[in-house]
Amino acid sequence: MAGILSNLRSTVIFSVILAILMYALYFVVSGADYNGMLVTISFLRWTHVVSGVMWIGLLWYFNFVQIPNMPNIPDDQKPAIGKVIAPAALFWFRWGAAATLITGLILITHTGSIVGTLTIGAMDGFSNGKDVFLGLGMWMGIIMAFNVWVIIWPNQKIALGLIDAPTEAKAPAARKAMLFSRTNTLLSLPMLVTMAGSQTLFG
């Protein structure tokens, strides 16, 4: 077991195998016949949730751990964060955002009305509460993903020196990235309420 846990790739592969076994266990304990559409939807929802955990987990890492503690790190140690930790975290952060958005859009095409959801229920005169709730969450997610790719990541590249930019541009870029990251943190809790609530509050 130590051999599996000492290597991240082996750990993830083993975790995926266990996840697949959980799907198999469902059919054993429920006695249900194999249903391809059910498995597809379940797999899409799982990938959506996994991607979202990666994305929001790193969003909260930046806002609850890295940003507040940067002033406490000695100046000679800060390059380790800016040159090693932050770029790696930002890689998984931005691709987690993209995967969450893409899998969410694919999932809604299989489980509901993408038009009804994207219009926040306007197509039905706002009479479909689930479309309203899920639509609000989806738009918050779209705004958050837009912030990641269009504002946060380009400004972080400047702030971290990953691209050539004047020295005086780094501080404003870092502040802009922080403010939009904080905006995403603000939106994250209501977004999660609508995503989870659309599955539980409306049956």
N, C-alpha and C. Protein backbone atom coordinates (compact mmCIF):
# COMPACT_ATOMS: atom_id res chain seq x y z
N MET A 1 0.83 -1.21 0.00
CA MET A 1 0.00 0.00 0.00
C MET A 1 0.86 1.26 0.00
N ALA A 2 2.00 1.20 0.70
CA ALA A 2 2.89 2.37 0.73
C ALA A 2 3.39 2.70 -0.67
N GLY A 3 3.58 1.66 -1.50
CA GLY A 3 4.03 1.89 -2.87
C GLY A 3 3.01 2.69 -3.67
N ILE A 4 1.71 2.42 -3.43
CA ILE A 4 0.65 3.16 -4.12
C ILE A 4 0.59 4.60 -3.62
N LEU A 5 0.66 4.77 -2.30
CA LEU A 5 0.49 6.09 -1.70
C LEU A 5 1.70 6.99 -1.87
N SER A 6 2.86 6.42 -2.13
CA SER A 6 4.05 7.25 -2.28
C SER A 6 4.15 7.87 -3.67
N ASN A 7 3.30 7.45 -4.59
CA ASN A 7 3.29 7.98 -5.95
C ASN A 7 1.91 8.54 -6.25
N LEU A 8 1.83 9.85 -6.58
CA LEU A 8 0.54 10.49 -6.79
C LEU A 8 -0.24 9.83 -7.93
N ARG A 9 0.44 9.53 -9.03
CA ARG A 9 -0.27 8.92 -10.17
C ARG A 9 -0.89 7.59 -9.76
N SER A 10 -0.13 6.76 -9.04
CA SER A 10 -0.66 5.47 -8.59
C SER A 10 -1.84 5.66 -7.65
N THR A 11 -1.74 6.67 -6.78
CA THR A 11 -2.83 6.96 -5.85
C THR A 11 -4.10 7.33 -6.60
N VAL A 12 -3.97 8.20 -7.60
CA VAL A 12 -5.14 8.64 -8.37
C VAL A 12 -5.73 7.48 -9.17
N ILE A 13 -4.88 6.68 -9.80
CA ILE A 13 -5.36 5.52 -10.57
C ILE A 13 -6.14 4.57 -9.66
N PHE A 14 -5.59 4.29 -8.48
CA PHE A 14 -6.25 3.39 -7.55
C PHE A 14 -7.58 3.99 -7.08
N SER A 15 -7.60 5.30 -6.88
CA SER A 15 -8.83 5.98 -6.47
C SER A 15 -9.90 5.87 -7.56
N VAL A 16 -9.50 6.02 -8.83
CA VAL A 16 -10.44 5.89 -9.94
C VAL A 16 -10.99 4.46 -10.01
N ILE A 17 -10.12 3.48 -9.80
CA ILE A 17 -10.57 2.09 -9.80
C ILE A 17 -11.61 1.87 -8.70
N LEU A 18 -11.35 2.39 -7.52
CA LEU A 18 -12.32 2.27 -6.42
C LEU A 18 -13.63 2.97 -6.76
N ALA A 19 -13.54 4.13 -7.44
CA ALA A 19 -14.75 4.85 -7.84
C ALA A 19 -15.58 4.01 -8.81
N ILE A 20 -14.91 3.36 -9.76
CA ILE A 20 -15.61 2.49 -10.72
C ILE A 20 -16.27 1.33 -9.99
N LEU A 21 -15.58 0.78 -9.00
CA LEU A 21 -16.16 -0.31 -8.22
C LEU A 21 -17.40 0.14 -7.46
N MET A 22 -17.45 1.42 -7.07
CA MET A 22 -18.64 1.94 -6.40
C MET A 22 -19.84 1.92 -7.34
N TYR A 23 -19.58 2.21 -8.63
CA TYR A 23 -20.67 2.12 -9.61
C TYR A 23 -21.15 0.68 -9.73
N ALA A 24 -20.20 -0.26 -9.79
CA ALA A 24 -20.57 -1.68 -9.87
C ALA A 24 -21.34 -2.09 -8.62
N LEU A 25 -20.94 -1.57 -7.45
CA LEU A 25 -21.61 -1.91 -6.21
C LEU A 25 -23.07 -1.45 -6.23
N TYR A 26 -23.32 -0.32 -6.87
CA TYR A 26 -24.70 0.18 -6.96
C TYR A 26 -25.62 -0.87 -7.59
N PHE A 27 -25.17 -1.46 -8.70
CA PHE A 27 -26.02 -2.43 -9.38
C PHE A 27 -26.17 -3.70 -8.57
N VAL A 28 -25.15 -4.04 -7.78
CA VAL A 28 -25.24 -5.23 -6.93
C VAL A 28 -26.24 -5.01 -5.79
N VAL A 29 -26.11 -3.90 -5.08
CA VAL A 29 -26.96 -3.67 -3.89
C VAL A 29 -28.38 -3.25 -4.26
N SER A 30 -28.55 -2.60 -5.43
CA SER A 30 -29.89 -2.15 -5.82
C SER A 30 -30.65 -3.22 -6.58
N GLY A 31 -29.92 -4.16 -7.15
CA GLY A 31 -30.56 -5.18 -7.97
C GLY A 31 -31.05 -4.66 -9.30
N ALA A 32 -30.65 -3.44 -9.65
CA ALA A 32 -31.10 -2.84 -10.90
C ALA A 32 -30.34 -3.42 -12.09
N ASP A 33 -31.03 -3.47 -13.23
CA ASP A 33 -30.36 -3.87 -14.46
C ASP A 33 -29.48 -2.72 -14.94
N TYR A 34 -28.47 -3.07 -15.70
CA TYR A 34 -27.57 -2.04 -16.23
C TYR A 34 -28.36 -1.06 -17.09
N ASN A 35 -28.16 0.22 -16.84
CA ASN A 35 -28.83 1.27 -17.58
C ASN A 35 -27.77 2.24 -18.08
N GLY A 36 -27.50 2.20 -19.39
CA GLY A 36 -26.43 3.00 -19.97
C GLY A 36 -26.62 4.49 -19.77
N MET A 37 -27.86 4.97 -19.91
CA MET A 37 -28.12 6.40 -19.75
C MET A 37 -27.91 6.82 -18.30
N LEU A 38 -28.36 5.98 -17.37
CA LEU A 38 -28.16 6.28 -15.95
C LEU A 38 -26.68 6.37 -15.61
N VAL A 39 -25.90 5.45 -16.14
CA VAL A 39 -24.45 5.45 -15.89
C VAL A 39 -23.82 6.69 -16.52
N THR A 40 -24.25 7.03 -17.73
CA THR A 40 -23.70 8.21 -18.41
C THR A 40 -23.96 9.48 -17.61
N ILE A 41 -25.21 9.65 -17.19
CA ILE A 41 -25.56 10.84 -16.41
C ILE A 41 -24.81 10.86 -15.08
N SER A 42 -24.74 9.71 -14.43
CA SER A 42 -24.03 9.62 -13.16
C SER A 42 -22.55 9.95 -13.34
N PHE A 43 -21.96 9.44 -14.43
CA PHE A 43 -20.55 9.71 -14.69
C PHE A 43 -20.33 11.19 -14.99
N LEU A 44 -21.23 11.80 -15.77
CA LEU A 44 -21.12 13.22 -16.07
C LEU A 44 -21.23 14.06 -14.80
N ARG A 45 -22.17 13.69 -13.93
CA ARG A 45 -22.33 14.44 -12.67
C ARG A 45 -21.09 14.27 -11.80
N TRP A 46 -20.54 13.06 -11.79
CA TRP A 46 -19.33 12.81 -11.01
C TRP A 46 -18.15 13.65 -11.52
N THR A 47 -17.95 13.67 -12.85
CA THR A 47 -16.85 14.47 -13.39
C THR A 47 -17.08 15.96 -13.14
N HIS A 48 -18.33 16.38 -13.18
CA HIS A 48 -18.66 17.78 -12.90
C HIS A 48 -18.31 18.13 -11.45
N VAL A 49 -18.68 17.25 -10.53
CA VAL A 49 -18.40 17.48 -9.12
C VAL A 49 -16.90 17.43 -8.85
N VAL A 50 -16.21 16.44 -9.40
CA VAL A 50 -14.76 16.32 -9.20
C VAL A 50 -14.05 17.57 -9.72
N SER A 51 -14.43 18.02 -10.91
CA SER A 51 -13.82 19.23 -11.48
C SER A 51 -14.11 20.43 -10.59
N GLY A 52 -15.35 20.53 -10.10
CA GLY A 52 -15.71 21.64 -9.24
C GLY A 52 -14.97 21.64 -7.92
N VAL A 53 -14.74 20.44 -7.37
CA VAL A 53 -13.98 20.34 -6.12
C VAL A 53 -12.55 20.85 -6.35
N MET A 54 -11.95 20.44 -7.47
CA MET A 54 -10.60 20.92 -7.79
C MET A 54 -10.59 22.44 -7.92
N TRP A 55 -11.56 22.98 -8.66
CA TRP A 55 -11.60 24.41 -8.92
C TRP A 55 -11.86 25.22 -7.65
N ILE A 56 -12.97 24.92 -6.98
CA ILE A 56 -13.34 25.72 -5.81
C ILE A 56 -12.37 25.46 -4.65
N GLY A 57 -11.86 24.23 -4.55
CA GLY A 57 -10.87 23.94 -3.52
C GLY A 57 -9.64 24.83 -3.67
N LEU A 58 -9.17 24.98 -4.91
CA LEU A 58 -8.00 25.84 -5.13
C LEU A 58 -8.35 27.31 -4.98
N LEU A 59 -9.57 27.69 -5.38
CA LEU A 59 -10.02 29.07 -5.15
C LEU A 59 -9.95 29.41 -3.67
N TRP A 60 -10.44 28.50 -2.85
CA TRP A 60 -10.42 28.73 -1.41
C TRP A 60 -9.00 28.64 -0.85
N TYR A 61 -8.17 27.77 -1.44
CA TYR A 61 -6.76 27.73 -1.01
C TYR A 61 -6.11 29.10 -1.21
N PHE A 62 -6.32 29.68 -2.40
CA PHE A 62 -5.72 30.99 -2.67
C PHE A 62 -6.23 32.04 -1.68
N ASN A 63 -7.54 32.04 -1.43
CA ASN A 63 -8.15 33.11 -0.64
C ASN A 63 -8.07 32.91 0.86
N PHE A 64 -8.04 31.66 1.31
CA PHE A 64 -8.00 31.40 2.75
C PHE A 64 -6.60 31.06 3.26
N VAL A 65 -5.69 30.65 2.35
CA VAL A 65 -4.37 30.22 2.79
C VAL A 65 -3.26 31.08 2.19
N GLN A 66 -3.15 31.08 0.86
CA GLN A 66 -1.98 31.73 0.25
C GLN A 66 -1.99 33.24 0.40
N ILE A 67 -3.05 33.90 -0.04
CA ILE A 67 -3.08 35.37 -0.01
C ILE A 67 -2.94 35.93 1.41
N PRO A 68 -3.71 35.42 2.40
CA PRO A 68 -3.58 35.99 3.74
C PRO A 68 -2.21 35.77 4.38
N ASN A 69 -1.51 34.70 3.98
CA ASN A 69 -0.25 34.37 4.63
C ASN A 69 0.98 34.86 3.89
N MET A 70 0.81 35.39 2.67
CA MET A 70 1.97 35.89 1.94
C MET A 70 2.74 36.96 2.70
N PRO A 71 2.07 37.91 3.40
CA PRO A 71 2.83 38.92 4.15
C PRO A 71 3.68 38.33 5.27
N ASN A 72 3.35 37.12 5.73
CA ASN A 72 4.09 36.49 6.82
C ASN A 72 5.30 35.69 6.35
N ILE A 73 5.43 35.53 5.02
CA ILE A 73 6.54 34.75 4.48
C ILE A 73 7.74 35.66 4.26
N PRO A 74 8.90 35.28 4.75
CA PRO A 74 10.10 36.11 4.53
C PRO A 74 10.34 36.35 3.04
N ASP A 75 10.83 37.53 2.69
CA ASP A 75 11.01 37.91 1.29
C ASP A 75 11.88 36.92 0.53
N ASP A 76 12.90 36.36 1.19
CA ASP A 76 13.79 35.45 0.48
C ASP A 76 13.13 34.10 0.17
N GLN A 77 11.97 33.83 0.81
CA GLN A 77 11.26 32.58 0.57
C GLN A 77 10.08 32.73 -0.39
N LYS A 78 9.68 33.98 -0.64
CA LYS A 78 8.51 34.22 -1.50
C LYS A 78 8.68 33.72 -2.93
N PRO A 79 9.89 33.76 -3.50
CA PRO A 79 10.01 33.22 -4.88
C PRO A 79 9.59 31.77 -5.01
N ALA A 80 9.72 30.98 -3.94
CA ALA A 80 9.29 29.58 -4.01
C ALA A 80 7.79 29.49 -4.25
N ILE A 81 7.04 30.42 -3.66
CA ILE A 81 5.59 30.46 -3.88
C ILE A 81 5.29 30.95 -5.28
N GLY A 82 5.90 32.08 -5.65
CA GLY A 82 5.59 32.71 -6.93
C GLY A 82 6.07 31.95 -8.14
N LYS A 83 7.16 31.22 -8.01
CA LYS A 83 7.74 30.53 -9.17
C LYS A 83 7.40 29.05 -9.24
N VAL A 84 7.01 28.45 -8.10
CA VAL A 84 6.77 27.00 -8.09
C VAL A 84 5.33 26.67 -7.71
N ILE A 85 4.92 27.07 -6.49
CA ILE A 85 3.61 26.66 -5.97
C ILE A 85 2.46 27.32 -6.74
N ALA A 86 2.50 28.65 -6.87
CA ALA A 86 1.39 29.36 -7.50
C ALA A 86 1.16 28.95 -8.96
N PRO A 87 2.21 28.84 -9.80
CA PRO A 87 1.95 28.42 -11.18
C PRO A 87 1.32 27.03 -11.27
N ALA A 88 1.78 26.10 -10.41
CA ALA A 88 1.21 24.75 -10.43
C ALA A 88 -0.25 24.79 -9.98
N ALA A 89 -0.52 25.55 -8.92
CA ALA A 89 -1.90 25.66 -8.42
C ALA A 89 -2.80 26.32 -9.46
N LEU A 90 -2.27 27.34 -10.14
CA LEU A 90 -3.06 28.04 -11.16
C LEU A 90 -3.35 27.16 -12.36
N PHE A 91 -2.47 26.22 -12.67
CA PHE A 91 -2.73 25.27 -13.77
C PHE A 91 -3.99 24.46 -13.47
N TRP A 92 -4.01 23.82 -12.30
CA TRP A 92 -5.16 23.00 -11.93
C TRP A 92 -6.40 23.86 -11.68
N PHE A 93 -6.19 25.07 -11.20
CA PHE A 93 -7.28 26.01 -10.93
C PHE A 93 -8.02 26.37 -12.21
N ARG A 94 -7.28 26.79 -13.23
CA ARG A 94 -7.96 27.25 -14.45
C ARG A 94 -8.54 26.09 -15.25
N TRP A 95 -7.85 24.94 -15.28
CA TRP A 95 -8.39 23.81 -16.02
C TRP A 95 -9.53 23.14 -15.25
N GLY A 96 -9.49 23.24 -13.93
CA GLY A 96 -10.64 22.78 -13.14
C GLY A 96 -11.86 23.62 -13.44
N ALA A 97 -11.67 24.94 -13.61
CA ALA A 97 -12.78 25.83 -13.97
C ALA A 97 -13.34 25.47 -15.34
N ALA A 98 -12.45 25.24 -16.30
CA ALA A 98 -12.91 24.90 -17.65
C ALA A 98 -13.65 23.57 -17.66
N ALA A 99 -13.11 22.58 -16.96
CA ALA A 99 -13.75 21.26 -16.92
C ALA A 99 -15.10 21.32 -16.22
N THR A 100 -15.19 22.11 -15.16
CA THR A 100 -16.47 22.26 -14.45
C THR A 100 -17.53 22.86 -15.36
N LEU A 101 -17.16 23.89 -16.09
CA LEU A 101 -18.11 24.55 -16.99
C LEU A 101 -18.54 23.62 -18.12
N ILE A 102 -17.58 22.97 -18.74
CA ILE A 102 -17.88 22.09 -19.89
C ILE A 102 -18.74 20.91 -19.46
N THR A 103 -18.35 20.24 -18.37
CA THR A 103 -19.13 19.08 -17.92
C THR A 103 -20.52 19.50 -17.45
N GLY A 104 -20.62 20.70 -16.88
CA GLY A 104 -21.93 21.19 -16.46
C GLY A 104 -22.86 21.42 -17.63
N LEU A 105 -22.33 22.02 -18.70
CA LEU A 105 -23.14 22.25 -19.89
C LEU A 105 -23.55 20.94 -20.56
N ILE A 106 -22.62 19.98 -20.60
CA ILE A 106 -22.96 18.67 -21.18
C ILE A 106 -24.02 17.98 -20.32
N LEU A 107 -23.84 18.07 -19.00
CA LEU A 107 -24.77 17.41 -18.08
C LEU A 107 -26.19 17.95 -18.23
N ILE A 108 -26.33 19.25 -18.34
CA ILE A 108 -27.68 19.83 -18.43
C ILE A 108 -28.38 19.45 -19.73
N THR A 109 -27.61 19.16 -20.78
CA THR A 109 -28.23 18.71 -22.04
C THR A 109 -28.81 17.31 -21.89
N HIS A 110 -28.32 16.54 -20.91
CA HIS A 110 -28.80 15.18 -20.68
C HIS A 110 -29.88 15.11 -19.61
N THR A 111 -29.92 16.10 -18.74
CA THR A 111 -30.81 15.99 -17.58
C THR A 111 -31.93 17.02 -17.55
N GLY A 112 -31.89 17.99 -18.41
CA GLY A 112 -32.92 19.02 -18.38
C GLY A 112 -32.92 19.84 -19.64
N SER A 113 -33.43 21.01 -19.54
CA SER A 113 -33.50 21.91 -20.69
C SER A 113 -32.38 22.93 -20.61
N ILE A 114 -31.43 22.86 -21.52
CA ILE A 114 -30.32 23.81 -21.49
C ILE A 114 -30.82 25.22 -21.79
N VAL A 115 -31.84 25.33 -22.67
CA VAL A 115 -32.39 26.65 -22.97
C VAL A 115 -33.12 27.19 -21.75
N GLY A 116 -33.94 26.35 -21.12
CA GLY A 116 -34.66 26.79 -19.93
C GLY A 116 -33.72 27.19 -18.81
N THR A 117 -32.63 26.46 -18.67
CA THR A 117 -31.68 26.76 -17.60
C THR A 117 -30.90 28.03 -17.91
N LEU A 118 -30.40 28.16 -19.14
CA LEU A 118 -29.60 29.33 -19.50
C LEU A 118 -30.43 30.61 -19.48
N THR A 119 -31.74 30.49 -19.70
CA THR A 119 -32.61 31.67 -19.64
C THR A 119 -33.20 31.85 -18.24
N ILE A 120 -32.73 31.07 -17.28
CA ILE A 120 -33.16 31.12 -15.88
C ILE A 120 -34.68 30.97 -15.77
N GLY A 121 -35.23 30.07 -16.59
CA GLY A 121 -36.65 29.77 -16.53
C GLY A 121 -37.54 30.73 -17.28
N ALA A 122 -36.96 31.71 -17.97
CA ALA A 122 -37.77 32.72 -18.66
C ALA A 122 -38.63 32.10 -19.76
N MET A 123 -38.16 31.00 -20.36
CA MET A 123 -38.91 30.36 -21.44
C MET A 123 -40.24 29.80 -20.95
N ASP A 124 -40.31 29.51 -19.64
CA ASP A 124 -41.54 28.98 -19.05
C ASP A 124 -42.20 30.00 -18.14
N GLY A 125 -41.90 31.28 -18.35
CA GLY A 125 -42.48 32.32 -17.52
C GLY A 125 -42.03 32.24 -16.07
N PHE A 126 -40.83 31.72 -15.86
CA PHE A 126 -40.24 31.56 -14.52
C PHE A 126 -41.09 30.65 -13.63
N SER A 127 -41.88 29.76 -14.26
CA SER A 127 -42.73 28.86 -13.48
C SER A 127 -42.00 27.59 -13.06
N ASN A 128 -40.88 27.29 -13.71
CA ASN A 128 -40.12 26.10 -13.37
C ASN A 128 -39.02 26.49 -12.38
N GLY A 129 -39.29 26.23 -11.11
CA GLY A 129 -38.37 26.65 -10.06
C GLY A 129 -36.98 26.05 -10.21
N LYS A 130 -36.90 24.82 -10.67
CA LYS A 130 -35.60 24.17 -10.83
C LYS A 130 -34.76 24.88 -11.88
N ASP A 131 -35.39 25.26 -12.99
CA ASP A 131 -34.67 26.00 -14.04
C ASP A 131 -34.18 27.35 -13.52
N VAL A 132 -35.02 28.00 -12.72
CA VAL A 132 -34.62 29.30 -12.15
C VAL A 132 -33.42 29.12 -11.23
N PHE A 133 -33.53 28.15 -10.33
CA PHE A 133 -32.48 27.93 -9.33
C PHE A 133 -31.17 27.50 -10.01
N LEU A 134 -31.28 26.47 -10.87
CA LEU A 134 -30.09 25.95 -11.54
C LEU A 134 -29.52 26.99 -12.50
N GLY A 135 -30.41 27.74 -13.16
CA GLY A 135 -29.94 28.77 -14.09
C GLY A 135 -29.13 29.86 -13.40
N LEU A 136 -29.60 30.27 -12.22
CA LEU A 136 -28.84 31.27 -11.47
C LEU A 136 -27.45 30.74 -11.12
N GLY A 137 -27.41 29.47 -10.69
CA GLY A 137 -26.12 28.86 -10.35
C GLY A 137 -25.23 28.72 -11.55
N MET A 138 -25.83 28.33 -12.68
CA MET A 138 -25.04 28.17 -13.90
C MET A 138 -24.43 29.49 -14.33
N TRP A 139 -25.21 30.56 -14.27
CA TRP A 139 -24.68 31.86 -14.68
C TRP A 139 -23.61 32.37 -13.72
N MET A 140 -23.76 32.07 -12.43
CA MET A 140 -22.68 32.42 -11.50
C MET A 140 -21.42 31.64 -11.85
N GLY A 141 -21.58 30.36 -12.19
CA GLY A 141 -20.44 29.54 -12.59
C GLY A 141 -19.79 30.05 -13.86
N ILE A 142 -20.62 30.47 -14.83
CA ILE A 142 -20.08 31.01 -16.09
C ILE A 142 -19.30 32.29 -15.83
N ILE A 143 -19.85 33.16 -15.00
CA ILE A 143 -19.16 34.41 -14.65
C ILE A 143 -17.83 34.09 -13.95
N MET A 144 -17.86 33.14 -13.04
CA MET A 144 -16.65 32.78 -12.31
C MET A 144 -15.59 32.19 -13.24
N ALA A 145 -16.01 31.33 -14.17
CA ALA A 145 -15.05 30.75 -15.12
C ALA A 145 -14.50 31.83 -16.05
N PHE A 146 -15.35 32.77 -16.46
CA PHE A 146 -14.89 33.91 -17.26
C PHE A 146 -13.83 34.69 -16.51
N ASN A 147 -14.09 34.96 -15.23
CA ASN A 147 -13.12 35.69 -14.42
C ASN A 147 -11.78 34.96 -14.36
N VAL A 148 -11.84 33.64 -14.24
CA VAL A 148 -10.59 32.85 -14.16
C VAL A 148 -9.76 33.02 -15.41
N TRP A 149 -10.38 32.80 -16.57
CA TRP A 149 -9.63 32.74 -17.83
C TRP A 149 -9.34 34.11 -18.43
N VAL A 150 -10.23 35.07 -18.25
CA VAL A 150 -10.10 36.36 -18.93
C VAL A 150 -9.44 37.42 -18.05
N ILE A 151 -9.57 37.28 -16.73
CA ILE A 151 -9.04 38.32 -15.84
C ILE A 151 -7.97 37.79 -14.88
N ILE A 152 -8.30 36.75 -14.12
CA ILE A 152 -7.37 36.28 -13.10
C ILE A 152 -6.09 35.72 -13.70
N TRP A 153 -6.21 34.77 -14.61
CA TRP A 153 -5.03 34.12 -15.17
C TRP A 153 -4.14 35.09 -15.94
N PRO A 154 -4.65 35.92 -16.85
CA PRO A 154 -3.76 36.88 -17.53
C PRO A 154 -3.04 37.82 -16.57
N ASN A 155 -3.72 38.26 -15.53
CA ASN A 155 -3.09 39.16 -14.56
C ASN A 155 -2.10 38.43 -13.66
N GLN A 156 -2.38 37.18 -13.35
CA GLN A 156 -1.44 36.40 -12.55
C GLN A 156 -0.15 36.15 -13.34
N LYS A 157 -0.27 35.95 -14.63
CA LYS A 157 0.94 35.76 -15.44
C LYS A 157 1.84 36.98 -15.37
N ILE A 158 1.23 38.16 -15.34
CA ILE A 158 2.01 39.40 -15.20
C ILE A 158 2.59 39.49 -13.79
N ALA A 159 1.75 39.27 -12.79
CA ALA A 159 2.17 39.42 -11.40
C ALA A 159 3.28 38.46 -11.02
N LEU A 160 3.23 37.24 -11.55
CA LEU A 160 4.22 36.22 -11.20
C LEU A 160 5.44 36.25 -12.10
N GLY A 161 5.43 37.14 -13.11
CA GLY A 161 6.57 37.22 -14.01
C GLY A 161 6.66 36.07 -14.99
N LEU A 162 5.51 35.44 -15.29
CA LEU A 162 5.50 34.33 -16.23
C LEU A 162 5.55 34.82 -17.67
N ILE A 163 5.24 36.11 -17.87
CA ILE A 163 5.38 36.74 -19.18
C ILE A 163 6.11 38.06 -18.98
N ASP A 164 6.71 38.54 -20.04
CA ASP A 164 7.43 39.81 -19.96
C ASP A 164 6.44 40.96 -19.75
N ALA A 165 6.70 41.76 -18.74
CA ALA A 165 5.86 42.92 -18.45
C ALA A 165 6.69 43.89 -17.62
N PRO A 166 6.40 45.19 -17.71
CA PRO A 166 7.13 46.16 -16.89
C PRO A 166 6.97 45.86 -15.40
N THR A 167 8.00 46.11 -14.63
CA THR A 167 7.97 45.85 -13.19
C THR A 167 6.81 46.56 -12.51
N GLU A 168 6.54 47.80 -12.97
CA GLU A 168 5.48 48.58 -12.34
C GLU A 168 4.08 48.03 -12.63
N ALA A 169 3.99 47.10 -13.59
CA ALA A 169 2.68 46.51 -13.90
C ALA A 169 2.33 45.35 -12.99
N LYS A 170 3.32 44.82 -12.26
CA LYS A 170 3.09 43.61 -11.48
C LYS A 170 2.14 43.83 -10.29
N ALA A 171 2.36 44.90 -9.54
CA ALA A 171 1.50 45.13 -8.36
C ALA A 171 0.04 45.37 -8.74
N PRO A 172 -0.24 46.25 -9.75
CA PRO A 172 -1.65 46.41 -10.16
C PRO A 172 -2.27 45.12 -10.69
N ALA A 173 -1.48 44.33 -11.40
CA ALA A 173 -1.99 43.07 -11.93
C ALA A 173 -2.32 42.11 -10.80
N ALA A 174 -1.44 42.05 -9.80
CA ALA A 174 -1.67 41.17 -8.66
C ALA A 174 -2.94 41.58 -7.91
N ARG A 175 -3.13 42.90 -7.75
CA ARG A 175 -4.33 43.38 -7.04
C ARG A 175 -5.59 43.06 -7.84
N LYS A 176 -5.54 43.25 -9.15
CA LYS A 176 -6.71 42.96 -9.98
C LYS A 176 -7.06 41.48 -9.92
N ALA A 177 -6.03 40.63 -10.01
CA ALA A 177 -6.27 39.19 -9.92
C ALA A 177 -6.87 38.82 -8.56
N MET A 178 -6.36 39.45 -7.50
CA MET A 178 -6.86 39.17 -6.16
C MET A 178 -8.32 39.58 -6.02
N LEU A 179 -8.67 40.77 -6.53
CA LEU A 179 -10.04 41.26 -6.38
C LEU A 179 -11.04 40.37 -7.13
N PHE A 180 -10.65 39.89 -8.32
CA PHE A 180 -11.57 39.03 -9.06
C PHE A 180 -11.59 37.62 -8.48
N SER A 181 -10.48 37.20 -7.87
CA SER A 181 -10.48 35.93 -7.15
C SER A 181 -11.39 36.04 -5.93
N ARG A 182 -11.35 37.19 -5.27
CA ARG A 182 -12.23 37.43 -4.12
C ARG A 182 -13.69 37.51 -4.57
N THR A 183 -13.93 38.06 -5.76
CA THR A 183 -15.29 38.08 -6.33
C THR A 183 -15.80 36.65 -6.51
N ASN A 184 -14.94 35.78 -7.04
CA ASN A 184 -15.33 34.39 -7.22
C ASN A 184 -15.60 33.70 -5.88
N THR A 185 -14.82 34.06 -4.86
CA THR A 185 -15.06 33.50 -3.53
C THR A 185 -16.43 33.94 -3.01
N LEU A 186 -16.76 35.20 -3.24
CA LEU A 186 -18.07 35.73 -2.85
C LEU A 186 -19.20 34.96 -3.53
N LEU A 187 -19.02 34.66 -4.82
CA LEU A 187 -20.06 33.97 -5.59
C LEU A 187 -20.11 32.48 -5.31
N SER A 188 -19.02 31.92 -4.76
CA SER A 188 -18.93 30.47 -4.66
C SER A 188 -19.99 29.85 -3.76
N LEU A 189 -20.27 30.45 -2.61
CA LEU A 189 -21.24 29.86 -1.70
C LEU A 189 -22.67 29.90 -2.23
N PRO A 190 -23.15 31.06 -2.73
CA PRO A 190 -24.50 31.03 -3.32
C PRO A 190 -24.58 30.12 -4.55
N MET A 191 -23.50 30.06 -5.33
CA MET A 191 -23.50 29.17 -6.48
C MET A 191 -23.65 27.72 -6.05
N LEU A 192 -22.95 27.33 -4.99
CA LEU A 192 -23.03 25.96 -4.50
C LEU A 192 -24.41 25.66 -3.92
N VAL A 193 -25.05 26.66 -3.31
CA VAL A 193 -26.42 26.47 -2.80
C VAL A 193 -27.36 26.14 -3.96
N THR A 194 -27.26 26.89 -5.06
CA THR A 194 -28.16 26.65 -6.19
C THR A 194 -27.87 25.32 -6.86
N MET A 195 -26.59 24.95 -6.97
CA MET A 195 -26.25 23.68 -7.62
C MET A 195 -26.74 22.50 -6.80
N ALA A 196 -26.44 22.53 -5.50
CA ALA A 196 -26.90 21.43 -4.64
C ALA A 196 -28.41 21.49 -4.45
N GLY A 197 -28.95 22.69 -4.27
CA GLY A 197 -30.37 22.86 -4.01
C GLY A 197 -31.23 22.43 -5.20
N SER A 198 -30.73 22.65 -6.40
CA SER A 198 -31.52 22.27 -7.58
C SER A 198 -31.72 20.77 -7.64
N GLN A 199 -30.82 20.00 -6.99
CA GLN A 199 -30.93 18.55 -6.99
C GLN A 199 -31.72 18.02 -5.80
N THR A 200 -31.79 18.81 -4.73
CA THR A 200 -32.43 18.32 -3.50
C THR A 200 -33.74 19.03 -3.16
N LEU A 201 -33.83 20.32 -3.44
CA LEU A 201 -35.00 21.08 -3.04
C LEU A 201 -36.18 20.91 -4.00
N PHE A 202 -35.88 20.47 -5.22
CA PHE A 202 -36.94 20.35 -6.23
C PHE A 202 -37.22 18.90 -6.61
N GLY A 203 -36.71 17.96 -5.82
CA GLY A 203 -37.00 16.55 -6.07
C GLY A 203 -36.20 15.96 -7.20
